[in-house]
N, C-alpha and C. Protein backbone atom coordinates (compact mmCIF):
# COMPACT_ATOMS: atom_id res chain seq x y z
N UNK A 1 -19.63 -39.34 -152.01
CA UNK A 1 -20.33 -40.52 -151.52
C UNK A 1 -19.35 -41.46 -150.81
N UNK A 2 -18.19 -41.70 -151.43
CA UNK A 2 -17.21 -42.59 -150.79
C UNK A 2 -16.67 -42.01 -149.49
N UNK A 3 -16.54 -40.68 -149.44
CA UNK A 3 -16.09 -40.04 -148.20
C UNK A 3 -17.13 -40.23 -147.09
N UNK A 4 -18.40 -40.09 -147.45
CA UNK A 4 -19.48 -40.30 -146.47
C UNK A 4 -19.49 -41.75 -145.99
N UNK A 5 -19.28 -42.68 -146.92
CA UNK A 5 -19.24 -44.10 -146.54
C UNK A 5 -18.06 -44.35 -145.61
N UNK A 6 -16.89 -43.80 -145.96
CA UNK A 6 -15.71 -43.97 -145.12
C UNK A 6 -15.91 -43.43 -143.72
N UNK A 7 -16.52 -42.24 -143.63
CA UNK A 7 -16.81 -41.66 -142.32
C UNK A 7 -17.84 -42.51 -141.58
N UNK A 8 -18.85 -42.98 -142.30
CA UNK A 8 -19.87 -43.83 -141.70
C UNK A 8 -19.29 -45.10 -141.11
N UNK A 9 -18.35 -45.70 -141.84
CA UNK A 9 -17.69 -46.92 -141.35
C UNK A 9 -16.94 -46.63 -140.05
N UNK A 10 -16.21 -45.51 -140.02
CA UNK A 10 -15.43 -45.18 -138.82
C UNK A 10 -16.34 -44.85 -137.63
N UNK A 11 -17.45 -44.16 -137.89
CA UNK A 11 -18.41 -43.88 -136.81
C UNK A 11 -18.98 -45.20 -136.29
N UNK A 12 -19.36 -46.08 -137.21
CA UNK A 12 -19.91 -47.39 -136.82
C UNK A 12 -18.89 -48.20 -136.04
N UNK A 13 -17.59 -48.08 -136.39
CA UNK A 13 -16.55 -48.78 -135.64
C UNK A 13 -16.46 -48.25 -134.21
N UNK A 14 -16.60 -46.93 -134.06
CA UNK A 14 -16.60 -46.33 -132.72
C UNK A 14 -17.79 -46.81 -131.90
N UNK A 15 -18.95 -46.85 -132.55
CA UNK A 15 -20.17 -47.34 -131.88
C UNK A 15 -20.01 -48.81 -131.52
N UNK A 16 -19.45 -49.59 -132.44
CA UNK A 16 -19.24 -51.02 -132.20
C UNK A 16 -18.36 -51.24 -130.97
N UNK A 17 -17.30 -50.44 -130.85
CA UNK A 17 -16.39 -50.57 -129.71
C UNK A 17 -17.11 -50.23 -128.40
N UNK A 18 -17.93 -49.18 -128.43
CA UNK A 18 -18.71 -48.83 -127.23
C UNK A 18 -19.67 -49.96 -126.87
N UNK A 19 -20.35 -50.49 -127.88
CA UNK A 19 -21.32 -51.57 -127.63
C UNK A 19 -20.63 -52.82 -127.09
N UNK A 20 -19.41 -53.11 -127.57
CA UNK A 20 -18.67 -54.27 -127.05
C UNK A 20 -18.41 -54.11 -125.56
N UNK A 21 -18.30 -52.85 -125.12
CA UNK A 21 -18.06 -52.55 -123.71
C UNK A 21 -19.37 -52.25 -122.97
N UNK A 22 -20.49 -52.64 -123.60
CA UNK A 22 -21.83 -52.51 -123.01
C UNK A 22 -22.21 -51.06 -122.72
N UNK A 23 -21.81 -50.17 -123.63
CA UNK A 23 -22.15 -48.75 -123.51
C UNK A 23 -22.96 -48.33 -124.73
N UNK A 24 -24.12 -47.72 -124.47
CA UNK A 24 -24.95 -47.17 -125.54
C UNK A 24 -24.75 -45.66 -125.52
N UNK A 25 -24.42 -45.07 -126.66
CA UNK A 25 -24.12 -43.64 -126.72
C UNK A 25 -25.37 -42.79 -126.49
N UNK A 26 -26.45 -43.08 -127.22
CA UNK A 26 -27.76 -42.43 -127.12
C UNK A 26 -27.81 -40.99 -127.64
N UNK A 27 -26.73 -40.48 -128.23
CA UNK A 27 -26.77 -39.12 -128.78
C UNK A 27 -25.84 -39.01 -129.99
N UNK A 28 -25.93 -39.98 -130.90
CA UNK A 28 -25.12 -39.93 -132.12
C UNK A 28 -25.69 -38.84 -133.02
N UNK A 29 -24.85 -37.89 -133.39
CA UNK A 29 -25.21 -36.77 -134.26
C UNK A 29 -23.92 -36.13 -134.75
N UNK A 30 -23.99 -35.35 -135.83
CA UNK A 30 -22.76 -34.75 -136.38
C UNK A 30 -21.97 -33.91 -135.36
N UNK A 31 -22.67 -33.26 -134.44
CA UNK A 31 -21.99 -32.44 -133.44
C UNK A 31 -21.13 -33.27 -132.48
N UNK A 32 -21.38 -34.58 -132.43
CA UNK A 32 -20.61 -35.46 -131.56
C UNK A 32 -19.62 -36.33 -132.34
N UNK A 33 -19.33 -35.90 -133.56
CA UNK A 33 -18.35 -36.59 -134.39
C UNK A 33 -17.24 -35.58 -134.71
N UNK A 34 -16.00 -35.96 -134.46
CA UNK A 34 -14.90 -35.07 -134.84
C UNK A 34 -14.00 -35.79 -135.83
N UNK A 35 -13.43 -35.01 -136.73
CA UNK A 35 -12.53 -35.56 -137.75
C UNK A 35 -11.19 -34.86 -137.61
N UNK A 36 -10.14 -35.66 -137.45
CA UNK A 36 -8.80 -35.09 -137.29
C UNK A 36 -8.27 -34.61 -138.64
N UNK A 37 -7.17 -33.88 -138.59
CA UNK A 37 -6.54 -33.39 -139.83
C UNK A 37 -6.13 -34.55 -140.73
N UNK A 38 -5.84 -35.69 -140.12
CA UNK A 38 -5.45 -36.89 -140.89
C UNK A 38 -6.66 -37.65 -141.43
N UNK A 39 -7.87 -37.19 -141.10
CA UNK A 39 -9.08 -37.84 -141.60
C UNK A 39 -9.63 -38.94 -140.71
N UNK A 40 -9.08 -39.07 -139.50
CA UNK A 40 -9.59 -40.07 -138.55
C UNK A 40 -10.88 -39.54 -137.93
N UNK A 41 -11.90 -40.39 -137.91
CA UNK A 41 -13.20 -39.99 -137.37
C UNK A 41 -13.35 -40.57 -135.97
N UNK A 42 -13.75 -39.71 -135.05
CA UNK A 42 -13.93 -40.13 -133.64
C UNK A 42 -15.32 -39.78 -133.17
N UNK A 43 -15.90 -40.68 -132.38
CA UNK A 43 -17.19 -40.44 -131.74
C UNK A 43 -16.89 -39.85 -130.37
N UNK A 44 -17.52 -38.70 -130.06
CA UNK A 44 -17.24 -38.02 -128.79
C UNK A 44 -18.52 -37.85 -127.99
N UNK A 45 -18.38 -37.23 -126.82
CA UNK A 45 -19.47 -36.82 -125.94
C UNK A 45 -20.38 -37.97 -125.54
N UNK A 46 -19.88 -38.75 -124.62
CA UNK A 46 -20.68 -39.84 -124.07
C UNK A 46 -21.45 -39.36 -122.84
N UNK A 47 -21.85 -38.08 -122.85
CA UNK A 47 -22.50 -37.45 -121.70
C UNK A 47 -23.80 -38.08 -121.26
N UNK A 48 -24.60 -38.59 -122.21
CA UNK A 48 -25.86 -39.25 -121.79
C UNK A 48 -25.80 -40.75 -122.06
N UNK A 49 -24.59 -41.26 -122.30
CA UNK A 49 -24.44 -42.70 -122.53
C UNK A 49 -24.83 -43.46 -121.27
N UNK A 50 -25.31 -44.66 -121.48
CA UNK A 50 -25.71 -45.52 -120.36
C UNK A 50 -25.16 -46.92 -120.59
N UNK A 51 -24.92 -47.60 -119.50
CA UNK A 51 -24.53 -48.99 -119.60
C UNK A 51 -25.70 -49.78 -120.19
N UNK A 52 -25.39 -50.65 -121.11
CA UNK A 52 -26.44 -51.42 -121.81
C UNK A 52 -27.22 -52.31 -120.86
N UNK A 53 -26.68 -52.60 -119.71
CA UNK A 53 -27.36 -53.49 -118.77
C UNK A 53 -28.22 -52.74 -117.77
N UNK A 54 -28.26 -51.41 -117.86
CA UNK A 54 -28.97 -50.66 -116.82
C UNK A 54 -30.46 -50.54 -117.06
N UNK A 55 -30.96 -50.95 -118.24
CA UNK A 55 -32.40 -50.92 -118.55
C UNK A 55 -33.05 -49.57 -118.23
N UNK A 56 -32.38 -48.50 -118.60
CA UNK A 56 -32.92 -47.19 -118.25
C UNK A 56 -33.91 -46.68 -119.27
N UNK A 57 -34.87 -45.92 -118.79
CA UNK A 57 -35.81 -45.21 -119.64
C UNK A 57 -35.17 -43.85 -119.91
N UNK A 58 -35.31 -43.37 -121.15
CA UNK A 58 -34.54 -42.20 -121.56
C UNK A 58 -35.30 -40.88 -121.50
N UNK A 59 -36.36 -40.80 -120.72
CA UNK A 59 -37.22 -39.62 -120.76
C UNK A 59 -36.51 -38.33 -120.38
N UNK A 60 -35.62 -38.33 -119.40
CA UNK A 60 -34.99 -37.07 -119.03
C UNK A 60 -33.58 -36.92 -119.58
N UNK A 61 -33.17 -37.79 -120.48
CA UNK A 61 -31.86 -37.64 -121.10
C UNK A 61 -31.95 -37.99 -122.58
N UNK A 62 -32.89 -37.33 -123.26
CA UNK A 62 -33.11 -37.64 -124.67
C UNK A 62 -32.00 -37.05 -125.52
N UNK A 63 -31.64 -37.75 -126.59
CA UNK A 63 -30.68 -37.24 -127.55
C UNK A 63 -31.28 -36.10 -128.35
N UNK A 64 -30.49 -35.51 -129.20
CA UNK A 64 -30.95 -34.39 -130.01
C UNK A 64 -32.09 -34.84 -130.92
N UNK A 65 -33.14 -34.05 -130.98
CA UNK A 65 -34.40 -34.48 -131.58
C UNK A 65 -34.28 -34.83 -133.07
N UNK A 66 -33.40 -34.19 -133.83
CA UNK A 66 -33.30 -34.49 -135.25
C UNK A 66 -32.67 -35.86 -135.52
N UNK A 67 -32.02 -36.43 -134.53
CA UNK A 67 -31.30 -37.70 -134.71
C UNK A 67 -31.82 -38.79 -133.78
N UNK A 68 -32.91 -38.53 -133.11
CA UNK A 68 -33.42 -39.42 -132.06
C UNK A 68 -34.14 -40.62 -132.66
N UNK A 69 -33.97 -41.77 -132.03
CA UNK A 69 -34.67 -42.97 -132.50
C UNK A 69 -36.13 -42.91 -132.05
N UNK A 70 -37.02 -43.62 -132.76
CA UNK A 70 -38.43 -43.62 -132.36
C UNK A 70 -38.65 -44.06 -130.92
N UNK A 71 -37.89 -45.08 -130.48
CA UNK A 71 -38.08 -45.56 -129.11
C UNK A 71 -37.63 -44.52 -128.08
N UNK A 72 -36.59 -43.74 -128.39
CA UNK A 72 -36.17 -42.67 -127.49
C UNK A 72 -37.21 -41.56 -127.49
N UNK A 73 -37.76 -41.24 -128.66
CA UNK A 73 -38.77 -40.19 -128.77
C UNK A 73 -40.01 -40.53 -127.95
N UNK A 74 -40.32 -41.82 -127.85
CA UNK A 74 -41.48 -42.25 -127.06
C UNK A 74 -41.14 -42.35 -125.58
N UNK A 75 -39.87 -42.13 -125.23
CA UNK A 75 -39.46 -42.23 -123.84
C UNK A 75 -39.28 -43.65 -123.38
N UNK A 76 -39.07 -44.54 -124.34
CA UNK A 76 -38.94 -45.96 -124.01
C UNK A 76 -37.51 -46.41 -123.84
N UNK A 77 -37.35 -47.70 -123.76
CA UNK A 77 -36.05 -48.33 -123.58
C UNK A 77 -35.21 -48.16 -124.83
N UNK A 78 -33.98 -47.76 -124.67
CA UNK A 78 -33.08 -47.66 -125.83
C UNK A 78 -31.93 -48.65 -125.67
N UNK A 79 -31.50 -49.19 -126.82
CA UNK A 79 -30.39 -50.14 -126.80
C UNK A 79 -29.44 -49.82 -127.94
N UNK A 80 -28.59 -50.77 -128.29
CA UNK A 80 -27.60 -50.57 -129.35
C UNK A 80 -28.24 -50.15 -130.67
N UNK A 81 -29.43 -50.65 -130.93
CA UNK A 81 -30.10 -50.34 -132.20
C UNK A 81 -30.58 -48.89 -132.26
N UNK A 82 -30.71 -48.24 -131.11
CA UNK A 82 -31.03 -46.81 -131.09
C UNK A 82 -29.86 -46.01 -131.68
N UNK A 83 -28.64 -46.41 -131.35
CA UNK A 83 -27.45 -45.76 -131.91
C UNK A 83 -27.38 -45.99 -133.42
N UNK A 84 -27.78 -47.17 -133.87
CA UNK A 84 -27.77 -47.47 -135.31
C UNK A 84 -28.77 -46.58 -136.04
N UNK A 85 -29.94 -46.35 -135.45
CA UNK A 85 -30.93 -45.44 -136.06
C UNK A 85 -30.33 -44.04 -136.20
N UNK A 86 -29.74 -43.54 -135.11
CA UNK A 86 -29.18 -42.18 -135.13
C UNK A 86 -28.04 -42.07 -136.13
N UNK A 87 -27.25 -43.13 -136.28
CA UNK A 87 -26.20 -43.12 -137.30
C UNK A 87 -26.82 -43.08 -138.69
N UNK A 88 -27.94 -43.78 -138.88
CA UNK A 88 -28.65 -43.72 -140.16
C UNK A 88 -29.07 -42.30 -140.50
N UNK A 89 -29.59 -41.58 -139.51
CA UNK A 89 -30.00 -40.18 -139.72
C UNK A 89 -28.77 -39.33 -140.06
N UNK A 90 -27.67 -39.58 -139.36
CA UNK A 90 -26.43 -38.84 -139.61
C UNK A 90 -25.92 -39.10 -141.03
N UNK A 91 -25.97 -40.36 -141.46
CA UNK A 91 -25.57 -40.70 -142.84
C UNK A 91 -26.49 -40.02 -143.84
N UNK A 92 -27.77 -40.00 -143.55
CA UNK A 92 -28.77 -39.35 -144.42
C UNK A 92 -28.36 -37.88 -144.63
N UNK A 93 -28.03 -37.22 -143.52
CA UNK A 93 -27.65 -35.81 -143.61
C UNK A 93 -26.31 -35.64 -144.32
N UNK A 94 -25.37 -36.54 -144.07
CA UNK A 94 -24.07 -36.44 -144.76
C UNK A 94 -24.25 -36.54 -146.27
N UNK A 95 -25.13 -37.39 -146.72
CA UNK A 95 -25.30 -37.64 -148.15
C UNK A 95 -26.21 -36.63 -148.84
N UNK A 96 -27.14 -36.04 -148.09
CA UNK A 96 -28.13 -35.15 -148.71
C UNK A 96 -27.96 -33.69 -148.31
N UNK A 97 -27.27 -33.46 -147.19
CA UNK A 97 -27.09 -32.08 -146.74
C UNK A 97 -28.24 -31.57 -145.90
N UNK A 98 -29.20 -32.45 -145.58
CA UNK A 98 -30.30 -32.06 -144.70
C UNK A 98 -30.81 -33.29 -143.97
N UNK A 99 -31.44 -33.05 -142.82
CA UNK A 99 -31.98 -34.15 -142.02
C UNK A 99 -33.29 -34.64 -142.65
N UNK A 100 -33.67 -35.88 -142.38
CA UNK A 100 -34.89 -36.42 -143.01
C UNK A 100 -36.19 -35.80 -142.52
N UNK A 101 -36.20 -35.32 -141.27
CA UNK A 101 -37.43 -34.76 -140.72
C UNK A 101 -37.19 -33.36 -140.17
N UNK A 102 -37.98 -32.41 -140.65
CA UNK A 102 -37.94 -31.03 -140.16
C UNK A 102 -39.30 -30.74 -139.53
N UNK A 103 -39.35 -29.73 -138.68
CA UNK A 103 -40.62 -29.36 -138.08
C UNK A 103 -40.53 -28.03 -137.36
N UNK A 104 -41.69 -27.51 -136.98
CA UNK A 104 -41.76 -26.23 -136.29
C UNK A 104 -41.35 -26.34 -134.83
N UNK A 105 -41.40 -27.55 -134.29
CA UNK A 105 -41.07 -27.74 -132.88
C UNK A 105 -40.37 -29.08 -132.69
N UNK A 106 -39.77 -29.25 -131.53
CA UNK A 106 -39.12 -30.53 -131.22
C UNK A 106 -40.16 -31.65 -131.18
N UNK A 107 -41.37 -31.32 -130.73
CA UNK A 107 -42.43 -32.33 -130.66
C UNK A 107 -42.80 -32.82 -132.05
N UNK A 108 -42.92 -31.90 -133.02
CA UNK A 108 -43.30 -32.32 -134.38
C UNK A 108 -42.20 -33.16 -135.03
N UNK A 109 -40.95 -32.84 -134.75
CA UNK A 109 -39.84 -33.63 -135.30
C UNK A 109 -39.82 -35.02 -134.65
N UNK A 110 -39.99 -35.06 -133.33
CA UNK A 110 -40.04 -36.35 -132.63
C UNK A 110 -41.21 -37.20 -133.14
N UNK A 111 -42.36 -36.57 -133.38
CA UNK A 111 -43.53 -37.26 -133.91
C UNK A 111 -43.21 -37.88 -135.27
N UNK A 112 -42.49 -37.13 -136.11
CA UNK A 112 -42.12 -37.63 -137.44
C UNK A 112 -41.22 -38.86 -137.33
N UNK A 113 -40.29 -38.85 -136.38
CA UNK A 113 -39.41 -40.01 -136.20
C UNK A 113 -40.21 -41.25 -135.82
N UNK A 114 -41.28 -41.06 -135.08
CA UNK A 114 -42.09 -42.19 -134.63
C UNK A 114 -43.05 -42.66 -135.73
N UNK A 115 -43.63 -41.72 -136.50
CA UNK A 115 -44.75 -42.07 -137.38
C UNK A 115 -44.51 -41.93 -138.87
N UNK A 116 -43.49 -41.21 -139.32
CA UNK A 116 -43.31 -40.97 -140.75
C UNK A 116 -42.09 -41.71 -141.29
N UNK A 117 -42.15 -42.05 -142.56
CA UNK A 117 -41.01 -42.69 -143.22
C UNK A 117 -40.21 -41.62 -143.94
N UNK A 118 -38.89 -41.69 -143.83
CA UNK A 118 -38.03 -40.77 -144.56
C UNK A 118 -38.06 -41.12 -146.05
N UNK A 119 -38.00 -40.11 -146.89
CA UNK A 119 -37.94 -40.36 -148.34
C UNK A 119 -36.60 -41.02 -148.63
N UNK A 120 -36.58 -42.17 -149.32
CA UNK A 120 -35.31 -42.83 -149.62
C UNK A 120 -34.35 -41.88 -150.34
N UNK A 121 -33.09 -41.95 -149.96
CA UNK A 121 -32.07 -41.04 -150.49
C UNK A 121 -32.02 -41.01 -152.01
N UNK A 122 -32.07 -42.20 -152.65
CA UNK A 122 -31.94 -42.25 -154.10
C UNK A 122 -33.16 -41.69 -154.82
N UNK A 123 -34.28 -41.53 -154.11
CA UNK A 123 -35.44 -40.87 -154.71
C UNK A 123 -35.29 -39.36 -154.69
N UNK A 124 -34.57 -38.85 -153.69
CA UNK A 124 -34.32 -37.41 -153.60
C UNK A 124 -33.16 -37.03 -154.51
N UNK A 125 -32.12 -37.87 -154.53
CA UNK A 125 -30.93 -37.61 -155.34
C UNK A 125 -30.53 -38.91 -156.05
N UNK A 126 -30.89 -39.04 -157.34
CA UNK A 126 -30.62 -40.29 -158.07
C UNK A 126 -29.13 -40.64 -158.19
N UNK A 127 -28.23 -39.70 -157.88
CA UNK A 127 -26.80 -40.02 -157.96
C UNK A 127 -26.35 -40.86 -156.76
N UNK A 128 -27.18 -40.96 -155.73
CA UNK A 128 -26.84 -41.79 -154.56
C UNK A 128 -27.19 -43.23 -154.91
N UNK A 129 -26.21 -44.14 -154.81
CA UNK A 129 -26.46 -45.54 -155.17
C UNK A 129 -27.61 -46.16 -154.37
N UNK A 130 -28.35 -47.02 -155.04
CA UNK A 130 -29.51 -47.68 -154.41
C UNK A 130 -29.08 -48.47 -153.17
N UNK A 131 -27.94 -49.13 -153.24
CA UNK A 131 -27.50 -49.94 -152.09
C UNK A 131 -27.28 -49.06 -150.86
N UNK A 132 -26.67 -47.90 -151.05
CA UNK A 132 -26.41 -47.00 -149.93
C UNK A 132 -27.72 -46.43 -149.39
N UNK A 133 -28.62 -46.11 -150.28
CA UNK A 133 -29.94 -45.62 -149.88
C UNK A 133 -30.65 -46.67 -149.01
N UNK A 134 -30.55 -47.93 -149.41
CA UNK A 134 -31.20 -49.00 -148.66
C UNK A 134 -30.49 -49.27 -147.32
N UNK A 135 -29.18 -49.07 -147.27
CA UNK A 135 -28.45 -49.22 -146.00
C UNK A 135 -28.99 -48.20 -144.99
N UNK A 136 -29.10 -46.96 -145.44
CA UNK A 136 -29.60 -45.90 -144.56
C UNK A 136 -31.06 -46.18 -144.17
N UNK A 137 -31.84 -46.64 -145.13
CA UNK A 137 -33.24 -46.98 -144.87
C UNK A 137 -33.35 -48.08 -143.82
N UNK A 138 -32.46 -49.07 -143.91
CA UNK A 138 -32.48 -50.17 -142.93
C UNK A 138 -32.09 -49.66 -141.54
N UNK A 139 -31.12 -48.76 -141.48
CA UNK A 139 -30.73 -48.17 -140.19
C UNK A 139 -31.90 -47.44 -139.55
N UNK A 140 -32.73 -46.82 -140.40
CA UNK A 140 -33.80 -45.94 -139.91
C UNK A 140 -35.17 -46.62 -139.85
N UNK A 141 -35.20 -47.93 -139.77
CA UNK A 141 -36.48 -48.62 -139.61
C UNK A 141 -37.09 -48.23 -138.26
N UNK A 142 -38.40 -48.09 -138.23
CA UNK A 142 -39.09 -47.67 -137.00
C UNK A 142 -38.96 -48.73 -135.90
N UNK A 143 -39.10 -49.99 -136.28
CA UNK A 143 -38.98 -51.07 -135.30
C UNK A 143 -37.52 -51.48 -135.18
N UNK A 144 -36.96 -51.46 -133.98
CA UNK A 144 -35.55 -51.84 -133.81
C UNK A 144 -35.21 -53.21 -134.38
N UNK A 145 -36.14 -54.16 -134.32
CA UNK A 145 -35.88 -55.51 -134.82
C UNK A 145 -35.62 -55.55 -136.32
N UNK A 146 -36.08 -54.53 -137.05
CA UNK A 146 -35.91 -54.50 -138.50
C UNK A 146 -34.62 -53.79 -138.92
N UNK A 147 -33.92 -53.19 -137.96
CA UNK A 147 -32.64 -52.52 -138.25
C UNK A 147 -31.52 -53.56 -138.27
N UNK A 148 -30.30 -53.07 -138.53
CA UNK A 148 -29.14 -53.96 -138.46
C UNK A 148 -29.05 -54.54 -137.06
N UNK A 149 -28.68 -55.81 -136.99
CA UNK A 149 -28.58 -56.50 -135.70
C UNK A 149 -27.51 -55.87 -134.81
N UNK A 150 -26.45 -55.36 -135.46
CA UNK A 150 -25.36 -54.73 -134.73
C UNK A 150 -24.53 -53.87 -135.67
N UNK A 151 -23.60 -53.12 -135.10
CA UNK A 151 -22.76 -52.22 -135.91
C UNK A 151 -21.88 -53.00 -136.88
N UNK A 152 -21.45 -54.20 -136.51
CA UNK A 152 -20.60 -55.01 -137.40
C UNK A 152 -21.32 -55.34 -138.70
N UNK A 153 -22.60 -55.68 -138.63
CA UNK A 153 -23.38 -55.99 -139.84
C UNK A 153 -23.52 -54.74 -140.71
N UNK A 154 -23.71 -53.59 -140.09
CA UNK A 154 -23.79 -52.33 -140.82
C UNK A 154 -22.46 -52.03 -141.52
N UNK A 155 -21.36 -52.20 -140.81
CA UNK A 155 -20.03 -51.96 -141.38
C UNK A 155 -19.80 -52.83 -142.61
N UNK A 156 -20.22 -54.09 -142.51
CA UNK A 156 -20.05 -55.03 -143.62
C UNK A 156 -20.77 -54.51 -144.87
N UNK A 157 -22.01 -54.05 -144.72
CA UNK A 157 -22.76 -53.53 -145.87
C UNK A 157 -22.18 -52.21 -146.39
N UNK A 158 -21.72 -51.35 -145.48
CA UNK A 158 -21.10 -50.09 -145.92
C UNK A 158 -19.84 -50.36 -146.75
N UNK A 159 -19.05 -51.32 -146.32
CA UNK A 159 -17.84 -51.68 -147.09
C UNK A 159 -18.23 -52.24 -148.46
N UNK A 160 -19.28 -53.02 -148.48
CA UNK A 160 -19.74 -53.60 -149.74
C UNK A 160 -20.27 -52.52 -150.68
N UNK A 161 -20.84 -51.45 -150.11
CA UNK A 161 -21.39 -50.36 -150.92
C UNK A 161 -20.31 -49.65 -151.73
N UNK A 162 -19.07 -49.70 -151.26
CA UNK A 162 -17.95 -49.10 -152.00
C UNK A 162 -17.63 -49.93 -153.23
N UNK A 163 -17.55 -51.25 -153.06
CA UNK A 163 -17.16 -52.12 -154.17
C UNK A 163 -18.33 -52.51 -155.08
N UNK A 164 -19.55 -52.50 -154.54
CA UNK A 164 -20.72 -52.92 -155.31
C UNK A 164 -21.88 -51.96 -155.07
N UNK A 165 -21.74 -50.70 -155.54
CA UNK A 165 -22.77 -49.69 -155.23
C UNK A 165 -24.15 -50.00 -155.81
N UNK A 166 -24.20 -50.77 -156.90
CA UNK A 166 -25.49 -51.07 -157.53
C UNK A 166 -26.04 -52.44 -157.13
N UNK A 167 -25.37 -53.09 -156.19
CA UNK A 167 -25.78 -54.43 -155.77
C UNK A 167 -27.10 -54.42 -155.02
N UNK A 168 -27.75 -55.57 -155.02
CA UNK A 168 -29.05 -55.71 -154.35
C UNK A 168 -28.88 -56.69 -153.19
N UNK A 169 -28.09 -56.30 -152.20
CA UNK A 169 -27.76 -57.19 -151.10
C UNK A 169 -28.31 -56.71 -149.76
N UNK A 170 -28.90 -55.53 -149.71
CA UNK A 170 -29.45 -55.02 -148.45
C UNK A 170 -30.90 -55.48 -148.34
N UNK A 171 -31.15 -56.34 -147.37
CA UNK A 171 -32.49 -56.87 -147.18
C UNK A 171 -33.28 -55.99 -146.23
N UNK A 172 -34.39 -55.46 -146.73
CA UNK A 172 -35.31 -54.70 -145.89
C UNK A 172 -36.49 -55.60 -145.59
N UNK A 173 -36.62 -55.96 -144.33
CA UNK A 173 -37.71 -56.84 -143.94
C UNK A 173 -38.99 -56.04 -143.82
N UNK A 174 -40.07 -56.66 -144.25
CA UNK A 174 -41.38 -56.03 -144.12
C UNK A 174 -41.88 -56.23 -142.70
N UNK A 175 -42.57 -55.21 -142.20
CA UNK A 175 -43.18 -55.33 -140.89
C UNK A 175 -44.37 -56.29 -141.00
N UNK A 176 -44.39 -57.28 -140.15
CA UNK A 176 -45.46 -58.28 -140.18
C UNK A 176 -46.51 -57.92 -139.15
N UNK A 177 -47.74 -57.81 -139.59
CA UNK A 177 -48.83 -57.52 -138.66
C UNK A 177 -49.38 -58.86 -138.20
N UNK A 178 -48.87 -59.32 -137.05
CA UNK A 178 -49.27 -60.63 -136.56
C UNK A 178 -50.49 -60.57 -135.63
N UNK A 179 -51.07 -59.38 -135.51
CA UNK A 179 -52.30 -59.26 -134.73
C UNK A 179 -53.26 -58.30 -135.43
N UNK A 180 -53.76 -58.72 -136.59
CA UNK A 180 -54.66 -57.84 -137.34
C UNK A 180 -55.98 -57.63 -136.60
N UNK A 181 -56.61 -56.49 -136.86
CA UNK A 181 -57.91 -56.20 -136.27
C UNK A 181 -58.96 -57.08 -136.92
N UNK A 182 -59.80 -57.67 -136.10
CA UNK A 182 -60.86 -58.54 -136.61
C UNK A 182 -62.19 -57.88 -136.27
N UNK A 183 -63.03 -57.72 -137.26
CA UNK A 183 -64.36 -57.12 -137.07
C UNK A 183 -65.32 -58.22 -136.66
N UNK A 184 -65.96 -58.01 -135.52
CA UNK A 184 -66.92 -58.99 -135.01
C UNK A 184 -68.33 -58.45 -135.28
N UNK A 185 -69.19 -59.32 -135.78
CA UNK A 185 -70.55 -58.89 -136.11
C UNK A 185 -71.34 -58.59 -134.84
N UNK A 186 -72.38 -57.78 -135.00
CA UNK A 186 -73.24 -57.43 -133.87
C UNK A 186 -73.87 -58.67 -133.23
N UNK A 187 -74.21 -59.67 -134.05
CA UNK A 187 -74.81 -60.90 -133.54
C UNK A 187 -73.86 -61.63 -132.59
N UNK A 188 -72.57 -61.68 -132.95
CA UNK A 188 -71.57 -62.35 -132.12
C UNK A 188 -71.39 -61.58 -130.81
N UNK A 189 -71.34 -60.24 -130.91
CA UNK A 189 -71.19 -59.41 -129.70
C UNK A 189 -72.36 -59.65 -128.75
N UNK A 190 -73.59 -59.67 -129.30
CA UNK A 190 -74.79 -59.91 -128.48
C UNK A 190 -74.71 -61.30 -127.83
N UNK A 191 -74.32 -62.30 -128.59
CA UNK A 191 -74.23 -63.68 -128.08
C UNK A 191 -73.22 -63.76 -126.92
N UNK A 192 -72.13 -63.04 -127.05
CA UNK A 192 -71.10 -63.05 -126.01
C UNK A 192 -71.63 -62.38 -124.75
N UNK A 193 -72.32 -61.24 -124.94
CA UNK A 193 -72.86 -60.51 -123.79
C UNK A 193 -73.95 -61.32 -123.08
N UNK A 194 -74.72 -62.10 -123.81
CA UNK A 194 -75.83 -62.85 -123.22
C UNK A 194 -75.40 -64.21 -122.69
N UNK A 195 -74.20 -64.60 -122.97
CA UNK A 195 -73.72 -65.91 -122.51
C UNK A 195 -73.64 -65.91 -120.97
N UNK A 196 -73.97 -67.08 -120.35
CA UNK A 196 -73.98 -67.15 -118.88
C UNK A 196 -72.58 -67.05 -118.30
């Protein structure tokens, strides 16, 4: 667990450095992470990276489907928080030995990233500390606004997970439905239609 946290911190530091230079990686996955003999972790392959200011749609340069963020899977705008989602998936796999979503096709896996919640790590393996499970869960929120604001905030929580694995400091915000569906009666519909 501590080795996974250490690697996660170093990956997040690499992502943070890219983001400081206005570069979004867009393909964070284990195949793009290398570890030297000395244990230094490096983020590689910026082949589909884009400048953060380019406002590009990612439809023809999607990252690997098992690590793709929901917004990338929908072909929408991706930003720094897309990299944080993909790092969350990578951490999930590092800690559990499998990715959170499997499927018969790339479409079914992409669909799962958009519509399904991953089973929290500590529910699958109780030896994984609750704080670390919640860190990964926060990285993998469907809405980018509910994820970590930046890689620095993620690094701070990962470091804290080493010293306080049972702490309750990771805040998972609830999605607020600020536009609930309202059922209108038939009488109101008729009145609206008949209004001059």
